[in-house]
Amino acid sequence: MAWDDLDPKPKKPAPIDLTLMSIEDLTNRIAEHEAEIVRMREAIKGKEAQRSTADALFKKG
């Protein structure tokens, strides 16, 4: 068992009441989330490249 398994999982924040936000605020929030998604996809690509390199290095055969 890893020690990380013993740490409590952080709770997700409560959803924001979107009815209180203006159209401009909602549009800005969407843009921020889309930018974060792009950043996460780039991180995934980097990790996949690292994994491919490691797999090639430690390839059994």
PDB file of N, CA and C in Angstrom:
ATOM      1  N   MET A   1       0.854  -1.176   0.000  1.00  0.00           N
ATOM      2  CA  MET A   1       0.000   0.000   0.000  1.00  0.00           C
ATOM      3  C   MET A   1       0.897   1.236   0.000  1.00  0.00           C
ATOM      4  N   ALA A   2       0.587   2.189  -0.831  1.00  0.00           N
ATOM      5  CA  ALA A   2       1.346   3.440  -0.887  1.00  0.00           C
ATOM      6  C   ALA A   2       0.829   4.393   0.187  1.00  0.00           C
ATOM      7  N   TRP A   3       1.732   5.219   0.669  1.00  0.00           N
ATOM      8  CA  TRP A   3       1.338   6.183   1.701  1.00  0.00           C
ATOM      9  C   TRP A   3       0.319   7.179   1.161  1.00  0.00           C
ATOM     10  N   ASP A   4       0.371   7.432  -0.131  1.00  0.00           N
ATOM     11  CA  ASP A   4      -0.581   8.368  -0.728  1.00  0.00           C
ATOM     12  C   ASP A   4      -2.017   7.868  -0.596  1.00  0.00           C
ATOM     13  N   ASP A   5      -2.186   6.557  -0.508  1.00  0.00           N
ATOM     14  CA  ASP A   5      -3.526   5.997  -0.385  1.00  0.00           C
ATOM     15  C   ASP A   5      -4.171   6.362   0.949  1.00  0.00           C
ATOM     16  N   LEU A   6      -3.365   6.736   1.922  1.00  0.00           N
ATOM     17  CA  LEU A   6      -3.887   7.047   3.250  1.00  0.00           C
ATOM     18  C   LEU A   6      -4.327   8.501   3.381  1.00  0.00           C
ATOM     19  N   ASP A   7      -3.866   9.356   2.457  1.00  0.00           N
ATOM     20  CA  ASP A   7      -4.231  10.768   2.526  1.00  0.00           C
ATOM     21  C   ASP A   7      -5.692  10.943   2.123  1.00  0.00           C
ATOM     22  N   PRO A   8      -6.405  11.813   2.830  1.00  0.00           N
ATOM     23  CA  PRO A   8      -7.794  12.051   2.437  1.00  0.00           C
ATOM     24  C   PRO A   8      -7.843  12.742   1.077  1.00  0.00           C
ATOM     25  N   LYS A   9      -8.811  12.360   0.283  1.00  0.00           N
ATOM     26  CA  LYS A   9      -8.979  12.957  -1.037  1.00  0.00           C
ATOM     27  C   LYS A   9      -9.601  14.346  -0.879  1.00  0.00           C
ATOM     28  N   PRO A  10      -9.066  15.335  -1.630  1.00  0.00           N
ATOM     29  CA  PRO A  10      -9.652  16.669  -1.529  1.00  0.00           C
ATOM     30  C   PRO A  10     -11.072  16.671  -2.095  1.00  0.00           C
ATOM     31  N   LYS A  11     -11.930  17.436  -1.459  1.00  0.00           N
ATOM     32  CA  LYS A  11     -13.312  17.526  -1.912  1.00  0.00           C
ATOM     33  C   LYS A  11     -13.395  18.508  -3.071  1.00  0.00           C
ATOM     34  N   LYS A  12     -14.287  18.220  -3.997  1.00  0.00           N
ATOM     35  CA  LYS A  12     -14.508  19.131  -5.113  1.00  0.00           C
ATOM     36  C   LYS A  12     -15.252  20.358  -4.599  1.00  0.00           C
ATOM     37  N   PRO A  13     -14.908  21.536  -5.124  1.00  0.00           N
ATOM     38  CA  PRO A  13     -15.639  22.730  -4.695  1.00  0.00           C
ATOM     39  C   PRO A  13     -17.088  22.659  -5.176  1.00  0.00           C
ATOM     40  N   ALA A  14     -17.943  23.329  -4.460  1.00  0.00           N
ATOM     41  CA  ALA A  14     -19.355  23.360  -4.833  1.00  0.00           C
ATOM     42  C   ALA A  14     -19.494  24.086  -6.172  1.00  0.00           C
ATOM     43  N   PRO A  15     -20.426  23.649  -6.997  1.00  0.00           N
ATOM     44  CA  PRO A  15     -20.633  24.334  -8.285  1.00  0.00           C
ATOM     45  C   PRO A  15     -21.037  25.795  -8.063  1.00  0.00           C
ATOM     46  N   ILE A  16     -20.574  26.623  -8.985  1.00  0.00           N
ATOM     47  CA  ILE A  16     -20.901  28.050  -8.914  1.00  0.00           C
ATOM     48  C   ILE A  16     -22.302  28.255  -9.480  1.00  0.00           C
ATOM     49  N   ASP A  17     -23.040  29.153  -8.861  1.00  0.00           N
ATOM     50  CA  ASP A  17     -24.386  29.482  -9.340  1.00  0.00           C
ATOM     51  C   ASP A  17     -24.243  30.332 -10.597  1.00  0.00           C
ATOM     52  N   LEU A  18     -24.441  29.730 -11.736  1.00  0.00           N
ATOM     53  CA  LEU A  18     -24.246  30.417 -13.010  1.00  0.00           C
ATOM     54  C   LEU A  18     -25.311  31.465 -13.291  1.00  0.00           C
ATOM     55  N   THR A  19     -26.438  31.390 -12.612  1.00  0.00           N
ATOM     56  CA  THR A  19     -27.502  32.365 -12.847  1.00  0.00           C
ATOM     57  C   THR A  19     -27.093  33.751 -12.378  1.00  0.00           C
ATOM     58  N   LEU A  20     -26.092  33.816 -11.499  1.00  0.00           N
ATOM     59  CA  LEU A  20     -25.635  35.102 -10.985  1.00  0.00           C
ATOM     60  C   LEU A  20     -24.570  35.752 -11.871  1.00  0.00           C
ATOM     61  N   MET A  21     -24.095  35.023 -12.871  1.00  0.00           N
ATOM     62  CA  MET A  21     -23.012  35.520 -13.720  1.00  0.00           C
ATOM     63  C   MET A  21     -23.560  36.136 -14.997  1.00  0.00           C
ATOM     64  N   SER A  22     -22.877  37.192 -15.459  1.00  0.00           N
ATOM     65  CA  SER A  22     -23.266  37.827 -16.715  1.00  0.00           C
ATOM     66  C   SER A  22     -22.791  36.981 -17.895  1.00  0.00           C
ATOM     67  N   ILE A  23     -23.280  37.312 -19.068  1.00  0.00           N
ATOM     68  CA  ILE A  23     -22.847  36.616 -20.277  1.00  0.00           C
ATOM     69  C   ILE A  23     -21.343  36.785 -20.459  1.00  0.00           C
ATOM     70  N   GLU A  24     -20.836  37.981 -20.225  1.00  0.00           N
ATOM     71  CA  GLU A  24     -19.398  38.243 -20.355  1.00  0.00           C
ATOM     72  C   GLU A  24     -18.597  37.401 -19.373  1.00  0.00           C
ATOM     73  N   ASP A  25     -19.063  37.320 -18.136  1.00  0.00           N
ATOM     74  CA  ASP A  25     -18.375  36.499 -17.132  1.00  0.00           C
ATOM     75  C   ASP A  25     -18.384  35.020 -17.516  1.00  0.00           C
ATOM     76  N   LEU A  26     -19.507  34.551 -18.022  1.00  0.00           N
ATOM     77  CA  LEU A  26     -19.603  33.158 -18.446  1.00  0.00           C
ATOM     78  C   LEU A  26     -18.668  32.880 -19.624  1.00  0.00           C
ATOM     79  N   THR A  27     -18.629  33.807 -20.579  1.00  0.00           N
ATOM     80  CA  THR A  27     -17.752  33.659 -21.735  1.00  0.00           C
ATOM     81  C   THR A  27     -16.292  33.639 -21.303  1.00  0.00           C
ATOM     82  N   ASN A  28     -15.924  34.521 -20.381  1.00  0.00           N
ATOM     83  CA  ASN A  28     -14.550  34.549 -19.870  1.00  0.00           C
ATOM     84  C   ASN A  28     -14.208  33.256 -19.136  1.00  0.00           C
ATOM     85  N   ARG A  29     -15.152  32.764 -18.381  1.00  0.00           N
ATOM     86  CA  ARG A  29     -14.916  31.518 -17.633  1.00  0.00           C
ATOM     87  C   ARG A  29     -14.718  30.345 -18.587  1.00  0.00           C
ATOM     88  N   ILE A  30     -15.505  30.298 -19.648  1.00  0.00           N
ATOM     89  CA  ILE A  30     -15.348  29.245 -20.656  1.00  0.00           C
ATOM     90  C   ILE A  30     -13.963  29.333 -21.278  1.00  0.00           C
ATOM     91  N   ALA A  31     -13.522  30.544 -21.626  1.00  0.00           N
ATOM     92  CA  ALA A  31     -12.200  30.731 -22.238  1.00  0.00           C
ATOM     93  C   ALA A  31     -11.094  30.268 -21.293  1.00  0.00           C
ATOM     94  N   GLU A  32     -11.231  30.568 -20.013  1.00  0.00           N
ATOM     95  CA  GLU A  32     -10.236  30.129 -19.031  1.00  0.00           C
ATOM     96  C   GLU A  32     -10.185  28.602 -18.949  1.00  0.00           C
ATOM     97  N   HIS A  33     -11.351  27.979 -18.951  1.00  0.00           N
ATOM     98  CA  HIS A  33     -11.401  26.516 -18.879  1.00  0.00           C
ATOM     99  C   HIS A  33     -10.832  25.886 -20.150  1.00  0.00           C
ATOM    100  N   GLU A  34     -11.138  26.469 -21.300  1.00  0.00           N
ATOM    101  CA  GLU A  34     -10.606  25.935 -22.559  1.00  0.00           C
ATOM    102  C   GLU A  34      -9.086  26.052 -22.594  1.00  0.00           C
ATOM    103  N   ALA A  35      -8.544  27.164 -22.087  1.00  0.00           N
ATOM    104  CA  ALA A  35      -7.090  27.327 -22.026  1.00  0.00           C
ATOM    105  C   ALA A  35      -6.474  26.290 -21.098  1.00  0.00           C
ATOM    106  N   GLU A  36      -7.131  25.996 -20.010  1.00  0.00           N
ATOM    107  CA  GLU A  36      -6.631  24.985 -19.068  1.00  0.00           C
ATOM    108  C   GLU A  36      -6.677  23.595 -19.695  1.00  0.00           C
ATOM    109  N   ILE A  37      -7.708  23.324 -20.474  1.00  0.00           N
ATOM    110  CA  ILE A  37      -7.815  22.035 -21.163  1.00  0.00           C
ATOM    111  C   ILE A  37      -6.665  21.883 -22.152  1.00  0.00           C
ATOM    112  N   VAL A  38      -6.345  22.933 -22.892  1.00  0.00           N
ATOM    113  CA  VAL A  38      -5.217  22.887 -23.833  1.00  0.00           C
ATOM    114  C   VAL A  38      -3.933  22.598 -23.075  1.00  0.00           C
ATOM    115  N   ARG A  39      -3.739  23.253 -21.944  1.00  0.00           N
ATOM    116  CA  ARG A  39      -2.534  23.051 -21.136  1.00  0.00           C
ATOM    117  C   ARG A  39      -2.444  21.600 -20.653  1.00  0.00           C
ATOM    118  N   MET A  40      -3.570  21.036 -20.237  1.00  0.00           N
ATOM    119  CA  MET A  40      -3.583  19.649 -19.775  1.00  0.00           C
ATOM    120  C   MET A  40      -3.292  18.682 -20.915  1.00  0.00           C
ATOM    121  N   ARG A  41      -3.837  18.951 -22.104  1.00  0.00           N
ATOM    122  CA  ARG A  41      -3.575  18.077 -23.257  1.00  0.00           C
ATOM    123  C   ARG A  41      -2.102  18.114 -23.635  1.00  0.00           C
ATOM    124  N   GLU A  42      -1.472  19.278 -23.538  1.00  0.00           N
ATOM    125  CA  GLU A  42      -0.043  19.387 -23.814  1.00  0.00           C
ATOM    126  C   GLU A  42       0.770  18.605 -22.780  1.00  0.00           C
ATOM    127  N   ALA A  43       0.342  18.647 -21.530  1.00  0.00           N
ATOM    128  CA  ALA A  43       1.026  17.881 -20.486  1.00  0.00           C
ATOM    129  C   ALA A  43       0.901  16.383 -20.759  1.00  0.00           C
ATOM    130  N   ILE A  44      -0.266  15.952 -21.201  1.00  0.00           N
ATOM    131  CA  ILE A  44      -0.475  14.538 -21.531  1.00  0.00           C
ATOM    132  C   ILE A  44       0.451  14.128 -22.666  1.00  0.00           C
ATOM    133  N   LYS A  45       0.552  14.948 -23.708  1.00  0.00           N
ATOM    134  CA  LYS A  45       1.436  14.628 -24.840  1.00  0.00           C
ATOM    135  C   LYS A  45       2.881  14.491 -24.366  1.00  0.00           C
ATOM    136  N   GLY A  46       3.315  15.390 -23.484  1.00  0.00           N
ATOM    137  CA  GLY A  46       4.674  15.307 -22.952  1.00  0.00           C
ATOM    138  C   GLY A  46       4.896  14.035 -22.157  1.00  0.00           C
ATOM    139  N   LYS A  47       3.922  13.666 -21.356  1.00  0.00           N
ATOM    140  CA  LYS A  47       4.041  12.440 -20.556  1.00  0.00           C
ATOM    141  C   LYS A  47       4.023  11.198 -21.442  1.00  0.00           C
ATOM    142  N   GLU A  48       3.223  11.228 -22.504  1.00  0.00           N
ATOM    143  CA  GLU A  48       3.195  10.099 -23.429  1.00  0.00           C
ATOM    144  C   GLU A  48       4.540   9.956 -24.141  1.00  0.00           C
ATOM    145  N   ALA A  49       5.155  11.084 -24.496  1.00  0.00           N
ATOM    146  CA  ALA A  49       6.468  11.040 -25.139  1.00  0.00           C
ATOM    147  C   ALA A  49       7.507  10.469 -24.185  1.00  0.00           C
ATOM    148  N   GLN A  50       7.450  10.881 -22.916  1.00  0.00           N
ATOM    149  CA  GLN A  50       8.377  10.342 -21.914  1.00  0.00           C
ATOM    150  C   GLN A  50       8.177   8.843 -21.746  1.00  0.00           C
ATOM    151  N   ARG A  51       6.934   8.414 -21.723  1.00  0.00           N
ATOM    152  CA  ARG A  51       6.638   6.998 -21.564  1.00  0.00           C
ATOM    153  C   ARG A  51       7.162   6.211 -22.767  1.00  0.00           C
ATOM    154  N   SER A  52       6.971   6.756 -23.966  1.00  0.00           N
ATOM    155  CA  SER A  52       7.466   6.077 -25.172  1.00  0.00           C
ATOM    156  C   SER A  52       8.979   5.946 -25.128  1.00  0.00           C
ATOM    157  N   THR A  53       9.645   7.000 -24.677  1.00  0.00           N
ATOM    158  CA  THR A  53      11.104   6.952 -24.558  1.00  0.00           C
ATOM    159  C   THR A  53      11.530   5.908 -23.545  1.00  0.00           C
ATOM    160  N   ALA A  54      10.860   5.886 -22.407  1.00  0.00           N
ATOM    161  CA  ALA A  54      11.193   4.903 -21.367  1.00  0.00           C
ATOM    162  C   ALA A  54      10.894   3.486 -21.851  1.00  0.00           C
ATOM    163  N   ASP A  55       9.777   3.310 -22.531  1.00  0.00           N
ATOM    164  CA  ASP A  55       9.437   1.979 -23.058  1.00  0.00           C
ATOM    165  C   ASP A  55      10.492   1.503 -24.050  1.00  0.00           C
ATOM    166  N   ALA A  56      10.967   2.402 -24.904  1.00  0.00           N
ATOM    167  CA  ALA A  56      11.993   2.032 -25.878  1.00  0.00           C
ATOM    168  C   ALA A  56      13.306   1.700 -25.185  1.00  0.00           C
ATOM    169  N   LEU A  57      13.622   2.433 -24.135  1.00  0.00           N
ATOM    170  CA  LEU A  57      14.862   2.207 -23.415  1.00  0.00           C
ATOM    171  C   LEU A  57      14.858   0.870 -22.679  1.00  0.00           C
ATOM    172  N   PHE A  58      13.723   0.551 -22.079  1.00  0.00           N
ATOM    173  CA  PHE A  58      13.627  -0.666 -21.274  1.00  0.00           C
ATOM    174  C   PHE A  58      12.917  -1.808 -22.010  1.00  0.00           C
ATOM    175  N   LYS A  59      12.832  -1.678 -23.324  1.00  0.00           N
ATOM    176  CA  LYS A  59      12.138  -2.686 -24.120  1.00  0.00           C
ATOM    177  C   LYS A  59      12.786  -4.052 -23.960  1.00  0.00           C
ATOM    178  N   LYS A  60      11.951  -5.003 -23.679  1.00  0.00           N
ATOM    179  CA  LYS A  60      12.431  -6.389 -23.538  1.00  0.00           C
ATOM    180  C   LYS A  60      12.329  -7.052 -24.897  1.00  0.00           C
ATOM    181  N   GLY A  61      13.329  -7.818 -25.234  1.00  0.00           N
ATOM    182  CA  GLY A  61      13.175  -8.492 -26.498  1.00  0.00           C
ATOM    183  C   GLY A  61      14.366  -9.157 -26.935  1.00  0.00           C
TER     184      GLY A  61
END
